[in-house]
Structures are given as structure tokens and as C-alpha cells.
Amino acid sequence: MSDYLSWEYSFLAETNNQPKIIAGVDEVGRGALFGSVVAAAIVLPLAAIPELIDAGVKDSKKLSAKKRQQLVPQIQSKVLDWHVSEATVEEIDELNILQASLLAMKRSILALRPSPEICLIDGNFPIPNLAISQKTVVKGDQKSTAIAAASVLAKVWRDELISSLAEQYPEYDLAKNKGYPTAKHLAALEAHGVSPLHRKSFAPCKKLLI
């Protein structure tokens, strides 16, 4: 049996197999220097888990860009609902990246219909002030189908967002680095300075503003 499938059903066994509306939640973009942090949440029927596994759903970081694109409509057709939310660069700089990531996750969860009974959250930090039961899952995108599927939606959505901004800021090589601190991106920061959509609280940007 797949590790993903085993984990989901083991989790339900721990909760006395009570039927639950389960949401998987993940974020992408925490380590980037440019752009918002993005979170996706999905409501996943248990019956869809084997189908998504067979389709190739797993941690988005282990999939090619082409495969992630192919999976998006398959995931969207199998879930009861899905939603993608952002926390802006301004929110990241004001709150810090962890709290902004949790805020983006919370926004996605609260937009779901039906509202989940429990949320599986990637990582080890619970979402503050969330009036829905939640369980943090360290390396959840490698263990839970629901979280893995959410990770695919978040990754594709953010990649498309950053690619759309690449034409506006061509000097930073965003189409290739998606806002992450590659050598070329760091060199461009040194040469051209910090754009309005760079995270000014992050060290490579912050040092240029002193």
C-alpha cells in the first residue's frame, strides 16, 4: 500500500474512524526573496485518495513543472472544494514570513465550502486562532495525499503569478528563479537594487536598504 494511503487511513484510525471532512493545507514561497507567499487548501474525499495517488500526486517539489500542470485539473476535479490565498510582501515584512505563511493558510481554509472538520497542516506550526480542528504534519507533503495535492495547486498558482510579473521586472530573471535567491537573482539585486515586490525584511534585500 502506498505510504500516502497508509498515512491517511492510519490517521483516521487514530481518531476512531469517525467520518470527517478533511482539508489538506500547504504553502509555497517561504524561501523566496520576491513576491507573496501562497497557500492552497483542499477538501478531499477519502474515496479520491487512491485516484490521486494513481495520477501521480506527491510532494510538488518532487514533480516536474509539466507534471504539476497536468495534475492541477485532475486534482480540482476530484476535490469537494479548493482555494488559493496569498499573504502579500507587505504582510511578510510586517508579520515575518512564518506568520504570513500561516495567515495565507488560514485565509484558504476559511474560504472552503464545505467547511472542513479537521485540517491537515504541513509543518509543525499550528495556525493561530483557527476555530477548526487542526493537525500539524511534519513533512506532510511527503506523507499526506491531501497536503501533497494542496502543495501542487499552491506551487502552480505561485509559479504562474511570478512568471506574470517577470515581464515587469525582467532584470531579476524571475521566469527562471520564481523569486528564489539564485546567484543570478542576487547579482541582479546588487546591480539594480530592491524592487517594490522584494521582501525588504529578508537579509539580501535588507542589507541593500541600509
N, C-alpha and C. Protein backbone atom coordinates (compact mmCIF):
# COMPACT_ATOMS: atom_id res chain seq x y z
N MET A 1 0.84 -1.20 0.00
CA MET A 1 0.00 0.00 0.00
C MET A 1 0.88 1.25 0.00
N SER A 2 0.46 2.27 -0.72
CA SER A 2 1.23 3.50 -0.77
C SER A 2 1.41 4.10 0.61
N ASP A 3 2.55 4.74 0.82
CA ASP A 3 2.77 5.44 2.09
C ASP A 3 1.72 6.51 2.32
N TYR A 4 1.36 7.22 1.25
CA TYR A 4 0.33 8.25 1.38
C TYR A 4 -0.98 7.63 1.86
N LEU A 5 -1.40 6.57 1.19
CA LEU A 5 -2.66 5.94 1.53
C LEU A 5 -2.62 5.39 2.96
N SER A 6 -1.51 4.77 3.31
CA SER A 6 -1.36 4.22 4.66
C SER A 6 -1.47 5.33 5.69
N TRP A 7 -0.83 6.47 5.44
CA TRP A 7 -0.84 7.55 6.43
C TRP A 7 -2.24 8.09 6.63
N GLU A 8 -2.97 8.35 5.56
CA GLU A 8 -4.31 8.92 5.69
C GLU A 8 -5.22 8.00 6.52
N TYR A 9 -5.19 6.72 6.22
CA TYR A 9 -6.09 5.82 6.92
C TYR A 9 -5.61 5.51 8.34
N SER A 10 -4.30 5.56 8.56
CA SER A 10 -3.78 5.42 9.92
C SER A 10 -4.23 6.59 10.78
N PHE A 11 -4.22 7.77 10.18
CA PHE A 11 -4.67 8.95 10.90
C PHE A 11 -6.14 8.81 11.29
N LEU A 12 -6.98 8.35 10.37
CA LEU A 12 -8.39 8.18 10.68
C LEU A 12 -8.60 7.12 11.75
N ALA A 13 -7.78 6.07 11.72
CA ALA A 13 -7.89 5.03 12.74
C ALA A 13 -7.61 5.60 14.12
N GLU A 14 -6.66 6.54 14.19
CA GLU A 14 -6.34 7.17 15.47
C GLU A 14 -7.49 8.01 15.99
N THR A 15 -8.34 8.48 15.10
CA THR A 15 -9.48 9.29 15.52
C THR A 15 -10.77 8.46 15.53
N ASN A 16 -10.62 7.17 15.76
CA ASN A 16 -11.74 6.23 15.89
C ASN A 16 -12.57 6.11 14.61
N ASN A 17 -11.92 6.36 13.48
CA ASN A 17 -12.57 6.19 12.17
C ASN A 17 -13.85 6.99 12.00
N GLN A 18 -13.97 8.09 12.73
CA GLN A 18 -15.15 8.92 12.56
C GLN A 18 -15.11 9.60 11.20
N PRO A 19 -16.22 9.61 10.46
CA PRO A 19 -16.21 10.30 9.17
C PRO A 19 -15.86 11.77 9.37
N LYS A 20 -14.97 12.28 8.57
CA LYS A 20 -14.55 13.66 8.71
C LYS A 20 -14.41 14.30 7.33
N ILE A 21 -14.72 15.58 7.29
CA ILE A 21 -14.43 16.38 6.11
C ILE A 21 -13.02 16.91 6.31
N ILE A 22 -12.07 16.36 5.55
CA ILE A 22 -10.65 16.63 5.77
C ILE A 22 -10.13 17.63 4.76
N ALA A 23 -9.41 18.62 5.27
CA ALA A 23 -8.73 19.57 4.39
C ALA A 23 -7.23 19.32 4.47
N GLY A 24 -6.56 19.44 3.34
CA GLY A 24 -5.10 19.45 3.30
C GLY A 24 -4.65 20.86 2.96
N VAL A 25 -3.61 21.33 3.65
CA VAL A 25 -3.18 22.72 3.51
C VAL A 25 -1.66 22.77 3.38
N ASP A 26 -1.18 23.54 2.42
CA ASP A 26 0.26 23.73 2.26
C ASP A 26 0.54 25.11 1.69
N GLU A 27 1.77 25.57 1.89
CA GLU A 27 2.18 26.88 1.36
C GLU A 27 3.41 26.71 0.48
N VAL A 28 3.66 27.73 -0.31
CA VAL A 28 4.85 27.74 -1.14
C VAL A 28 5.37 29.17 -1.22
N GLY A 29 6.68 29.30 -1.28
CA GLY A 29 7.29 30.61 -1.42
C GLY A 29 7.91 31.18 -0.17
N ARG A 30 8.03 30.38 0.88
CA ARG A 30 8.59 30.92 2.12
C ARG A 30 10.03 31.38 1.95
N GLY A 31 10.79 30.66 1.14
CA GLY A 31 12.21 30.99 1.00
C GLY A 31 12.54 31.97 -0.10
N ALA A 32 11.53 32.46 -0.80
CA ALA A 32 11.77 33.39 -1.89
C ALA A 32 12.10 34.78 -1.36
N LEU A 33 12.76 35.57 -2.19
CA LEU A 33 13.06 36.96 -1.87
C LEU A 33 12.04 37.92 -2.47
N PHE A 34 11.29 37.43 -3.45
CA PHE A 34 10.40 38.27 -4.25
C PHE A 34 9.00 37.67 -4.24
N GLY A 35 8.00 38.53 -4.07
CA GLY A 35 6.62 38.11 -4.24
C GLY A 35 5.97 37.56 -2.98
N SER A 36 4.69 37.34 -3.09
CA SER A 36 3.88 36.88 -1.97
C SER A 36 4.18 35.43 -1.63
N VAL A 37 3.73 35.03 -0.44
CA VAL A 37 3.71 33.62 -0.07
C VAL A 37 2.29 33.13 -0.34
N VAL A 38 2.17 31.93 -0.88
CA VAL A 38 0.89 31.42 -1.37
C VAL A 38 0.54 30.12 -0.65
N ALA A 39 -0.72 29.99 -0.28
CA ALA A 39 -1.18 28.76 0.37
C ALA A 39 -2.41 28.23 -0.36
N ALA A 40 -2.49 26.91 -0.45
CA ALA A 40 -3.67 26.25 -1.01
C ALA A 40 -4.27 25.33 0.02
N ALA A 41 -5.58 25.23 0.00
CA ALA A 41 -6.31 24.30 0.85
C ALA A 41 -7.31 23.55 -0.01
N ILE A 42 -7.47 22.27 0.25
CA ILE A 42 -8.44 21.47 -0.49
C ILE A 42 -9.28 20.64 0.49
N VAL A 43 -10.50 20.37 0.11
CA VAL A 43 -11.33 19.41 0.84
C VAL A 43 -11.33 18.13 0.03
N LEU A 44 -10.76 17.08 0.61
CA LEU A 44 -10.50 15.86 -0.16
C LEU A 44 -11.39 14.70 0.32
N PRO A 45 -12.24 14.18 -0.56
CA PRO A 45 -12.99 12.97 -0.20
C PRO A 45 -12.03 11.78 -0.07
N LEU A 46 -12.24 10.95 0.91
CA LEU A 46 -11.34 9.80 1.10
C LEU A 46 -11.33 8.90 -0.13
N ALA A 47 -12.46 8.80 -0.81
CA ALA A 47 -12.54 7.93 -1.98
C ALA A 47 -11.64 8.39 -3.11
N ALA A 48 -11.25 9.67 -3.09
CA ALA A 48 -10.41 10.20 -4.17
C ALA A 48 -8.94 9.94 -3.94
N ILE A 49 -8.56 9.53 -2.73
CA ILE A 49 -7.13 9.37 -2.42
C ILE A 49 -6.45 8.38 -3.37
N PRO A 50 -6.99 7.16 -3.56
CA PRO A 50 -6.31 6.23 -4.47
C PRO A 50 -6.20 6.77 -5.90
N GLU A 51 -7.23 7.49 -6.35
CA GLU A 51 -7.20 8.02 -7.71
C GLU A 51 -6.11 9.08 -7.87
N LEU A 52 -5.95 9.93 -6.86
CA LEU A 52 -4.92 10.96 -6.94
C LEU A 52 -3.53 10.35 -6.85
N ILE A 53 -3.39 9.32 -6.04
CA ILE A 53 -2.09 8.63 -5.96
C ILE A 53 -1.76 8.01 -7.32
N ASP A 54 -2.75 7.34 -7.92
CA ASP A 54 -2.53 6.72 -9.23
C ASP A 54 -2.20 7.76 -10.30
N ALA A 55 -2.74 8.96 -10.15
CA ALA A 55 -2.47 10.02 -11.11
C ALA A 55 -1.05 10.58 -10.96
N GLY A 56 -0.43 10.29 -9.81
CA GLY A 56 0.94 10.74 -9.60
C GLY A 56 1.10 11.88 -8.63
N VAL A 57 0.04 12.18 -7.85
CA VAL A 57 0.14 13.27 -6.88
C VAL A 57 1.14 12.89 -5.78
N LYS A 58 2.08 13.80 -5.56
CA LYS A 58 3.02 13.68 -4.45
C LYS A 58 3.59 15.06 -4.18
N ASP A 59 4.51 15.16 -3.26
CA ASP A 59 5.15 16.42 -2.92
C ASP A 59 5.50 17.18 -4.19
N SER A 60 5.01 18.41 -4.30
CA SER A 60 5.19 19.17 -5.55
C SER A 60 6.66 19.38 -5.90
N LYS A 61 7.52 19.41 -4.88
CA LYS A 61 8.95 19.61 -5.14
C LYS A 61 9.58 18.42 -5.86
N LYS A 62 8.89 17.27 -5.84
CA LYS A 62 9.42 16.07 -6.48
C LYS A 62 8.81 15.83 -7.86
N LEU A 63 8.07 16.82 -8.35
CA LEU A 63 7.42 16.72 -9.66
C LEU A 63 7.98 17.76 -10.60
N SER A 64 8.00 17.44 -11.88
CA SER A 64 8.41 18.43 -12.88
C SER A 64 7.31 19.48 -13.03
N ALA A 65 7.68 20.63 -13.58
CA ALA A 65 6.70 21.68 -13.81
C ALA A 65 5.59 21.19 -14.73
N LYS A 66 5.95 20.41 -15.74
CA LYS A 66 4.95 19.88 -16.67
C LYS A 66 3.98 18.95 -15.97
N LYS A 67 4.50 18.08 -15.10
CA LYS A 67 3.64 17.14 -14.38
C LYS A 67 2.71 17.88 -13.43
N ARG A 68 3.23 18.89 -12.75
CA ARG A 68 2.37 19.67 -11.85
C ARG A 68 1.22 20.30 -12.62
N GLN A 69 1.53 20.87 -13.78
CA GLN A 69 0.49 21.48 -14.60
C GLN A 69 -0.57 20.46 -14.99
N GLN A 70 -0.14 19.25 -15.35
CA GLN A 70 -1.08 18.20 -15.75
C GLN A 70 -1.97 17.77 -14.59
N LEU A 71 -1.43 17.82 -13.37
CA LEU A 71 -2.18 17.34 -12.21
C LEU A 71 -3.24 18.33 -11.73
N VAL A 72 -3.06 19.61 -12.01
CA VAL A 72 -3.98 20.60 -11.48
C VAL A 72 -5.44 20.30 -11.82
N PRO A 73 -5.81 20.12 -13.10
CA PRO A 73 -7.22 19.84 -13.39
C PRO A 73 -7.70 18.51 -12.80
N GLN A 74 -6.80 17.53 -12.69
CA GLN A 74 -7.19 16.26 -12.09
C GLN A 74 -7.51 16.43 -10.61
N ILE A 75 -6.68 17.20 -9.92
CA ILE A 75 -6.94 17.46 -8.50
C ILE A 75 -8.23 18.24 -8.34
N GLN A 76 -8.39 19.29 -9.12
CA GLN A 76 -9.57 20.14 -8.98
C GLN A 76 -10.86 19.38 -9.27
N SER A 77 -10.78 18.37 -10.13
CA SER A 77 -11.98 17.60 -10.46
C SER A 77 -12.33 16.58 -9.39
N LYS A 78 -11.39 16.25 -8.52
CA LYS A 78 -11.62 15.20 -7.52
C LYS A 78 -11.98 15.75 -6.15
N VAL A 79 -11.58 16.98 -5.86
CA VAL A 79 -11.81 17.52 -4.53
C VAL A 79 -13.22 18.12 -4.43
N LEU A 80 -13.71 18.27 -3.20
CA LEU A 80 -15.00 18.90 -2.98
C LEU A 80 -14.90 20.41 -3.15
N ASP A 81 -13.76 20.96 -2.77
CA ASP A 81 -13.52 22.39 -2.96
C ASP A 81 -12.03 22.64 -2.81
N TRP A 82 -11.59 23.75 -3.35
CA TRP A 82 -10.19 24.17 -3.20
C TRP A 82 -10.13 25.68 -3.22
N HIS A 83 -9.10 26.22 -2.59
CA HIS A 83 -8.94 27.66 -2.60
C HIS A 83 -7.47 28.00 -2.43
N VAL A 84 -7.04 29.05 -3.12
CA VAL A 84 -5.66 29.54 -3.02
C VAL A 84 -5.70 30.97 -2.51
N SER A 85 -4.83 31.27 -1.54
CA SER A 85 -4.75 32.61 -0.97
C SER A 85 -3.30 33.05 -0.87
N GLU A 86 -3.12 34.35 -0.70
CA GLU A 86 -1.78 34.93 -0.57
C GLU A 86 -1.64 35.68 0.75
N ALA A 87 -0.41 35.86 1.17
CA ALA A 87 -0.04 36.94 2.08
C ALA A 87 0.96 37.79 1.33
N THR A 88 0.73 39.07 1.32
CA THR A 88 1.48 39.98 0.47
C THR A 88 2.90 40.22 1.00
N VAL A 89 3.70 40.83 0.15
CA VAL A 89 5.05 41.22 0.57
C VAL A 89 4.99 42.14 1.78
N GLU A 90 4.04 43.07 1.77
CA GLU A 90 3.89 43.99 2.91
C GLU A 90 3.56 43.23 4.19
N GLU A 91 2.70 42.22 4.08
CA GLU A 91 2.36 41.42 5.27
C GLU A 91 3.55 40.58 5.74
N ILE A 92 4.32 40.07 4.78
CA ILE A 92 5.52 39.31 5.14
C ILE A 92 6.49 40.19 5.92
N ASP A 93 6.72 41.41 5.43
CA ASP A 93 7.66 42.31 6.08
C ASP A 93 7.15 42.78 7.44
N GLU A 94 5.85 42.90 7.57
CA GLU A 94 5.27 43.37 8.83
C GLU A 94 5.19 42.26 9.88
N LEU A 95 4.78 41.06 9.46
CA LEU A 95 4.48 39.99 10.42
C LEU A 95 5.66 39.05 10.64
N ASN A 96 6.47 38.81 9.64
CA ASN A 96 7.54 37.83 9.44
C ASN A 96 6.99 36.71 8.57
N ILE A 97 7.88 35.96 7.96
CA ILE A 97 7.46 35.01 6.93
C ILE A 97 6.65 33.86 7.51
N LEU A 98 6.97 33.41 8.72
CA LEU A 98 6.19 32.32 9.31
C LEU A 98 4.75 32.74 9.54
N GLN A 99 4.55 33.88 10.19
CA GLN A 99 3.19 34.32 10.49
C GLN A 99 2.42 34.66 9.21
N ALA A 100 3.10 35.18 8.22
CA ALA A 100 2.44 35.47 6.94
C ALA A 100 2.02 34.18 6.25
N SER A 101 2.87 33.15 6.33
CA SER A 101 2.52 31.85 5.75
C SER A 101 1.30 31.27 6.43
N LEU A 102 1.25 31.35 7.75
CA LEU A 102 0.10 30.83 8.49
C LEU A 102 -1.16 31.63 8.17
N LEU A 103 -1.01 32.93 7.95
CA LEU A 103 -2.15 33.76 7.58
C LEU A 103 -2.69 33.37 6.21
N ALA A 104 -1.81 33.12 5.26
CA ALA A 104 -2.27 32.68 3.94
C ALA A 104 -2.99 31.34 4.03
N MET A 105 -2.46 30.42 4.85
CA MET A 105 -3.13 29.14 5.05
C MET A 105 -4.52 29.34 5.64
N LYS A 106 -4.61 30.19 6.65
CA LYS A 106 -5.89 30.43 7.31
C LYS A 106 -6.92 30.99 6.33
N ARG A 107 -6.49 31.93 5.50
CA ARG A 107 -7.40 32.50 4.51
C ARG A 107 -7.94 31.44 3.56
N SER A 108 -7.08 30.52 3.14
CA SER A 108 -7.53 29.47 2.23
C SER A 108 -8.53 28.54 2.91
N ILE A 109 -8.24 28.18 4.15
CA ILE A 109 -9.13 27.27 4.89
C ILE A 109 -10.51 27.90 5.07
N LEU A 110 -10.54 29.17 5.47
CA LEU A 110 -11.82 29.81 5.77
C LEU A 110 -12.68 30.01 4.52
N ALA A 111 -12.06 29.93 3.35
CA ALA A 111 -12.82 30.08 2.10
C ALA A 111 -13.44 28.77 1.62
N LEU A 112 -13.08 27.65 2.25
CA LEU A 112 -13.54 26.35 1.77
C LEU A 112 -15.02 26.12 2.09
N ARG A 113 -15.70 25.48 1.13
CA ARG A 113 -17.08 25.03 1.33
C ARG A 113 -17.22 23.63 0.75
N PRO A 114 -17.59 22.64 1.53
CA PRO A 114 -17.97 22.76 2.93
C PRO A 114 -16.77 23.04 3.83
N SER A 115 -17.07 23.63 4.97
CA SER A 115 -16.00 23.89 5.92
C SER A 115 -15.49 22.57 6.47
N PRO A 116 -14.18 22.38 6.51
CA PRO A 116 -13.64 21.09 6.98
C PRO A 116 -13.84 20.89 8.47
N GLU A 117 -13.90 19.63 8.87
CA GLU A 117 -13.94 19.30 10.29
C GLU A 117 -12.54 19.25 10.89
N ILE A 118 -11.57 18.93 10.06
CA ILE A 118 -10.19 18.93 10.51
C ILE A 118 -9.27 19.30 9.36
N CYS A 119 -8.22 20.05 9.67
CA CYS A 119 -7.26 20.48 8.67
C CYS A 119 -5.92 19.83 8.94
N LEU A 120 -5.34 19.24 7.92
CA LEU A 120 -4.00 18.69 8.00
C LEU A 120 -3.05 19.77 7.48
N ILE A 121 -2.19 20.26 8.36
CA ILE A 121 -1.35 21.41 8.08
C ILE A 121 0.09 20.94 7.87
N ASP A 122 0.68 21.27 6.74
CA ASP A 122 2.07 20.92 6.52
C ASP A 122 2.97 21.71 7.47
N GLY A 123 3.90 21.01 8.13
CA GLY A 123 4.83 21.67 9.03
C GLY A 123 4.53 21.36 10.48
N ASN A 124 5.16 22.12 11.37
CA ASN A 124 4.97 21.87 12.80
C ASN A 124 4.44 23.07 13.56
N PHE A 125 3.89 24.06 12.82
CA PHE A 125 3.32 25.23 13.47
C PHE A 125 1.81 25.28 13.22
N PRO A 126 1.00 25.24 14.27
CA PRO A 126 -0.45 25.36 14.08
C PRO A 126 -0.83 26.78 13.68
N ILE A 127 -1.99 26.89 13.05
CA ILE A 127 -2.49 28.19 12.62
C ILE A 127 -3.16 28.88 13.79
N PRO A 128 -2.73 30.09 14.14
CA PRO A 128 -3.31 30.78 15.29
C PRO A 128 -4.78 31.14 15.06
N ASN A 129 -5.55 31.02 16.13
CA ASN A 129 -6.94 31.50 16.14
C ASN A 129 -7.79 30.89 15.02
N LEU A 130 -7.56 29.62 14.74
CA LEU A 130 -8.37 28.91 13.77
C LEU A 130 -9.41 28.09 14.51
N ALA A 131 -10.67 28.40 14.29
CA ALA A 131 -11.76 27.75 15.03
C ALA A 131 -12.16 26.44 14.37
N ILE A 132 -11.21 25.72 13.86
CA ILE A 132 -11.42 24.41 13.23
C ILE A 132 -10.32 23.51 13.75
N SER A 133 -10.64 22.27 14.03
CA SER A 133 -9.62 21.33 14.50
C SER A 133 -8.51 21.22 13.46
N GLN A 134 -7.26 21.12 13.93
CA GLN A 134 -6.14 21.01 13.01
C GLN A 134 -5.08 20.06 13.56
N LYS A 135 -4.33 19.49 12.63
CA LYS A 135 -3.22 18.61 12.99
C LYS A 135 -2.04 18.99 12.13
N THR A 136 -0.94 19.34 12.78
CA THR A 136 0.28 19.63 12.02
C THR A 136 0.96 18.33 11.65
N VAL A 137 1.53 18.29 10.47
CA VAL A 137 2.18 17.08 9.96
C VAL A 137 3.55 17.48 9.40
N VAL A 138 4.61 17.16 10.13
CA VAL A 138 5.95 17.47 9.67
C VAL A 138 6.24 16.67 8.39
N LYS A 139 6.74 17.38 7.37
CA LYS A 139 6.92 16.80 6.05
C LYS A 139 5.62 16.21 5.51
N GLY A 140 4.55 16.93 5.78
CA GLY A 140 3.22 16.46 5.40
C GLY A 140 3.04 16.27 3.91
N ASP A 141 3.76 17.08 3.10
CA ASP A 141 3.62 16.92 1.65
C ASP A 141 4.25 15.62 1.16
N GLN A 142 5.02 14.95 2.04
CA GLN A 142 5.58 13.64 1.70
C GLN A 142 4.78 12.49 2.32
N LYS A 143 3.78 12.82 3.13
CA LYS A 143 3.05 11.79 3.86
C LYS A 143 1.56 11.75 3.54
N SER A 144 0.98 12.90 3.31
CA SER A 144 -0.47 13.02 3.17
C SER A 144 -0.86 13.38 1.75
N THR A 145 -1.78 12.62 1.17
CA THR A 145 -2.27 12.93 -0.17
C THR A 145 -2.94 14.30 -0.20
N ALA A 146 -3.71 14.61 0.83
CA ALA A 146 -4.42 15.89 0.87
C ALA A 146 -3.44 17.06 0.87
N ILE A 147 -2.39 16.96 1.68
CA ILE A 147 -1.40 18.03 1.73
C ILE A 147 -0.61 18.08 0.43
N ALA A 148 -0.24 16.92 -0.10
CA ALA A 148 0.51 16.88 -1.35
C ALA A 148 -0.27 17.53 -2.49
N ALA A 149 -1.57 17.23 -2.57
CA ALA A 149 -2.40 17.82 -3.62
C ALA A 149 -2.47 19.33 -3.45
N ALA A 150 -2.60 19.79 -2.21
CA ALA A 150 -2.61 21.24 -1.95
C ALA A 150 -1.29 21.86 -2.37
N SER A 151 -0.20 21.15 -2.12
CA SER A 151 1.13 21.69 -2.48
C SER A 151 1.25 21.88 -3.98
N VAL A 152 0.67 20.99 -4.76
CA VAL A 152 0.71 21.11 -6.23
C VAL A 152 -0.06 22.36 -6.67
N LEU A 153 -1.26 22.54 -6.13
CA LEU A 153 -2.05 23.71 -6.52
C LEU A 153 -1.34 25.01 -6.14
N ALA A 154 -0.77 25.05 -4.94
CA ALA A 154 -0.09 26.26 -4.49
C ALA A 154 1.13 26.56 -5.36
N LYS A 155 1.90 25.52 -5.67
CA LYS A 155 3.12 25.71 -6.45
C LYS A 155 2.81 26.22 -7.86
N VAL A 156 1.84 25.60 -8.53
CA VAL A 156 1.50 26.02 -9.88
C VAL A 156 0.95 27.44 -9.88
N TRP A 157 0.10 27.75 -8.91
CA TRP A 157 -0.51 29.08 -8.84
C TRP A 157 0.57 30.13 -8.63
N ARG A 158 1.50 29.89 -7.69
CA ARG A 158 2.53 30.90 -7.43
C ARG A 158 3.51 31.03 -8.60
N ASP A 159 3.88 29.91 -9.19
CA ASP A 159 4.79 29.97 -10.34
C ASP A 159 4.18 30.81 -11.46
N GLU A 160 2.90 30.64 -11.70
CA GLU A 160 2.24 31.42 -12.75
C GLU A 160 2.18 32.90 -12.37
N LEU A 161 1.96 33.18 -11.09
CA LEU A 161 1.94 34.56 -10.63
C LEU A 161 3.29 35.24 -10.85
N ILE A 162 4.36 34.57 -10.44
CA ILE A 162 5.69 35.16 -10.57
C ILE A 162 6.08 35.28 -12.04
N SER A 163 5.72 34.29 -12.84
CA SER A 163 6.02 34.37 -14.27
C SER A 163 5.31 35.56 -14.91
N SER A 164 4.11 35.87 -14.44
CA SER A 164 3.37 37.01 -14.99
C SER A 164 4.03 38.34 -14.62
N LEU A 165 4.78 38.34 -13.51
CA LEU A 165 5.46 39.56 -13.07
C LEU A 165 6.86 39.68 -13.68
N ALA A 166 7.33 38.60 -14.29
CA ALA A 166 8.70 38.60 -14.83
C ALA A 166 8.89 39.65 -15.91
N GLU A 167 7.86 39.90 -16.71
CA GLU A 167 7.98 40.90 -17.77
C GLU A 167 8.10 42.30 -17.19
N GLN A 168 7.48 42.51 -16.04
CA GLN A 168 7.52 43.82 -15.38
C GLN A 168 8.88 44.08 -14.74
N TYR A 169 9.53 42.99 -14.33
CA TYR A 169 10.83 43.10 -13.66
C TYR A 169 11.83 42.16 -14.34
N PRO A 170 12.18 42.40 -15.60
CA PRO A 170 12.99 41.45 -16.37
C PRO A 170 14.41 41.28 -15.84
N GLU A 171 14.91 42.26 -15.12
CA GLU A 171 16.30 42.22 -14.69
C GLU A 171 16.60 41.15 -13.64
N TYR A 172 15.55 40.62 -13.00
CA TYR A 172 15.78 39.68 -11.89
C TYR A 172 15.68 38.21 -12.28
N ASP A 173 15.45 37.90 -13.54
CA ASP A 173 15.41 36.51 -14.01
C ASP A 173 14.31 35.70 -13.33
N LEU A 174 13.19 36.35 -13.07
CA LEU A 174 12.12 35.73 -12.29
C LEU A 174 11.48 34.54 -12.98
N ALA A 175 11.43 34.56 -14.29
CA ALA A 175 10.81 33.45 -15.01
C ALA A 175 11.50 32.13 -14.70
N LYS A 176 12.81 32.22 -14.41
CA LYS A 176 13.56 31.00 -14.10
C LYS A 176 13.65 30.74 -12.60
N ASN A 177 13.88 31.78 -11.81
CA ASN A 177 14.11 31.53 -10.38
C ASN A 177 12.87 31.62 -9.50
N LYS A 178 11.76 32.12 -10.07
CA LYS A 178 10.49 32.24 -9.35
C LYS A 178 10.63 33.02 -8.04
N GLY A 179 11.60 33.90 -8.00
CA GLY A 179 11.77 34.76 -6.84
C GLY A 179 12.74 34.23 -5.80
N TYR A 180 13.27 33.04 -6.01
CA TYR A 180 14.20 32.45 -5.03
C TYR A 180 15.61 33.00 -5.23
N PRO A 181 16.46 32.92 -4.21
CA PRO A 181 17.77 33.59 -4.24
C PRO A 181 18.85 32.84 -4.99
N THR A 182 18.71 32.73 -6.30
CA THR A 182 19.77 32.15 -7.13
C THR A 182 20.92 33.16 -7.23
N ALA A 183 22.05 32.69 -7.72
CA ALA A 183 23.20 33.57 -7.88
C ALA A 183 22.87 34.74 -8.82
N LYS A 184 22.15 34.45 -9.89
CA LYS A 184 21.80 35.50 -10.85
C LYS A 184 20.84 36.51 -10.23
N HIS A 185 19.92 36.03 -9.43
CA HIS A 185 18.97 36.92 -8.75
C HIS A 185 19.71 37.83 -7.76
N LEU A 186 20.61 37.26 -6.99
CA LEU A 186 21.36 38.04 -6.01
C LEU A 186 22.24 39.08 -6.70
N ALA A 187 22.85 38.69 -7.82
CA ALA A 187 23.67 39.64 -8.57
C ALA A 187 22.81 40.78 -9.12
N ALA A 188 21.60 40.47 -9.56
CA ALA A 188 20.70 41.50 -10.08
C ALA A 188 20.28 42.46 -8.98
N LEU A 189 20.08 41.94 -7.78
CA LEU A 189 19.76 42.82 -6.65
C LEU A 189 20.89 43.82 -6.39
N GLU A 190 22.09 43.32 -6.44
CA GLU A 190 23.25 44.19 -6.24
C GLU A 190 23.34 45.25 -7.34
N ALA A 191 23.02 44.85 -8.55
CA ALA A 191 23.16 45.76 -9.69
C ALA A 191 21.99 46.74 -9.82
N HIS A 192 20.78 46.27 -9.54
CA HIS A 192 19.59 47.09 -9.82
C HIS A 192 18.83 47.53 -8.58
N GLY A 193 19.21 46.99 -7.43
CA GLY A 193 18.51 47.37 -6.21
C GLY A 193 17.25 46.55 -5.97
N VAL A 194 16.51 46.95 -4.97
CA VAL A 194 15.34 46.21 -4.49
C VAL A 194 14.08 46.77 -5.16
N SER A 195 13.28 45.90 -5.74
CA SER A 195 12.03 46.32 -6.38
C SER A 195 10.93 46.44 -5.32
N PRO A 196 9.79 47.03 -5.68
CA PRO A 196 8.67 47.13 -4.73
C PRO A 196 8.13 45.78 -4.28
N LEU A 197 8.38 44.72 -5.04
CA LEU A 197 7.85 43.41 -4.68
C LEU A 197 8.90 42.50 -4.05
N HIS A 198 10.05 43.04 -3.72
CA HIS A 198 11.02 42.26 -2.95
C HIS A 198 10.69 42.36 -1.45
N ARG A 199 11.07 41.32 -0.73
CA ARG A 199 10.82 41.26 0.71
C ARG A 199 11.94 42.01 1.43
N LYS A 200 11.63 43.20 1.88
CA LYS A 200 12.65 44.08 2.42
C LYS A 200 13.18 43.62 3.78
N SER A 201 12.46 42.74 4.44
CA SER A 201 12.91 42.22 5.72
C SER A 201 13.87 41.05 5.58
N PHE A 202 14.02 40.52 4.37
CA PHE A 202 14.93 39.40 4.14
C PHE A 202 16.34 39.95 3.95
N ALA A 203 17.31 39.24 4.53
CA ALA A 203 18.68 39.76 4.63
C ALA A 203 19.28 40.26 3.31
N PRO A 204 19.19 39.51 2.20
CA PRO A 204 19.82 40.01 0.96
C PRO A 204 19.23 41.33 0.47
N CYS A 205 17.95 41.58 0.79
CA CYS A 205 17.32 42.84 0.42
C CYS A 205 17.57 43.91 1.49
N LYS A 206 17.46 43.50 2.72
CA LYS A 206 17.59 44.43 3.84
C LYS A 206 18.93 45.14 3.83
N LYS A 207 20.00 44.39 3.53
CA LYS A 207 21.35 44.99 3.57
C LYS A 207 21.53 46.06 2.51
N LEU A 208 20.76 45.97 1.42
CA LEU A 208 20.87 46.96 0.35
C LEU A 208 20.11 48.25 0.67
N LEU A 209 19.28 48.20 1.70
CA LEU A 209 18.46 49.36 2.06
C LEU A 209 19.04 50.13 3.24
N ILE A 210 20.10 49.59 3.82
CA ILE A 210 20.70 50.26 4.98
C ILE A 210 21.50 51.49 4.53
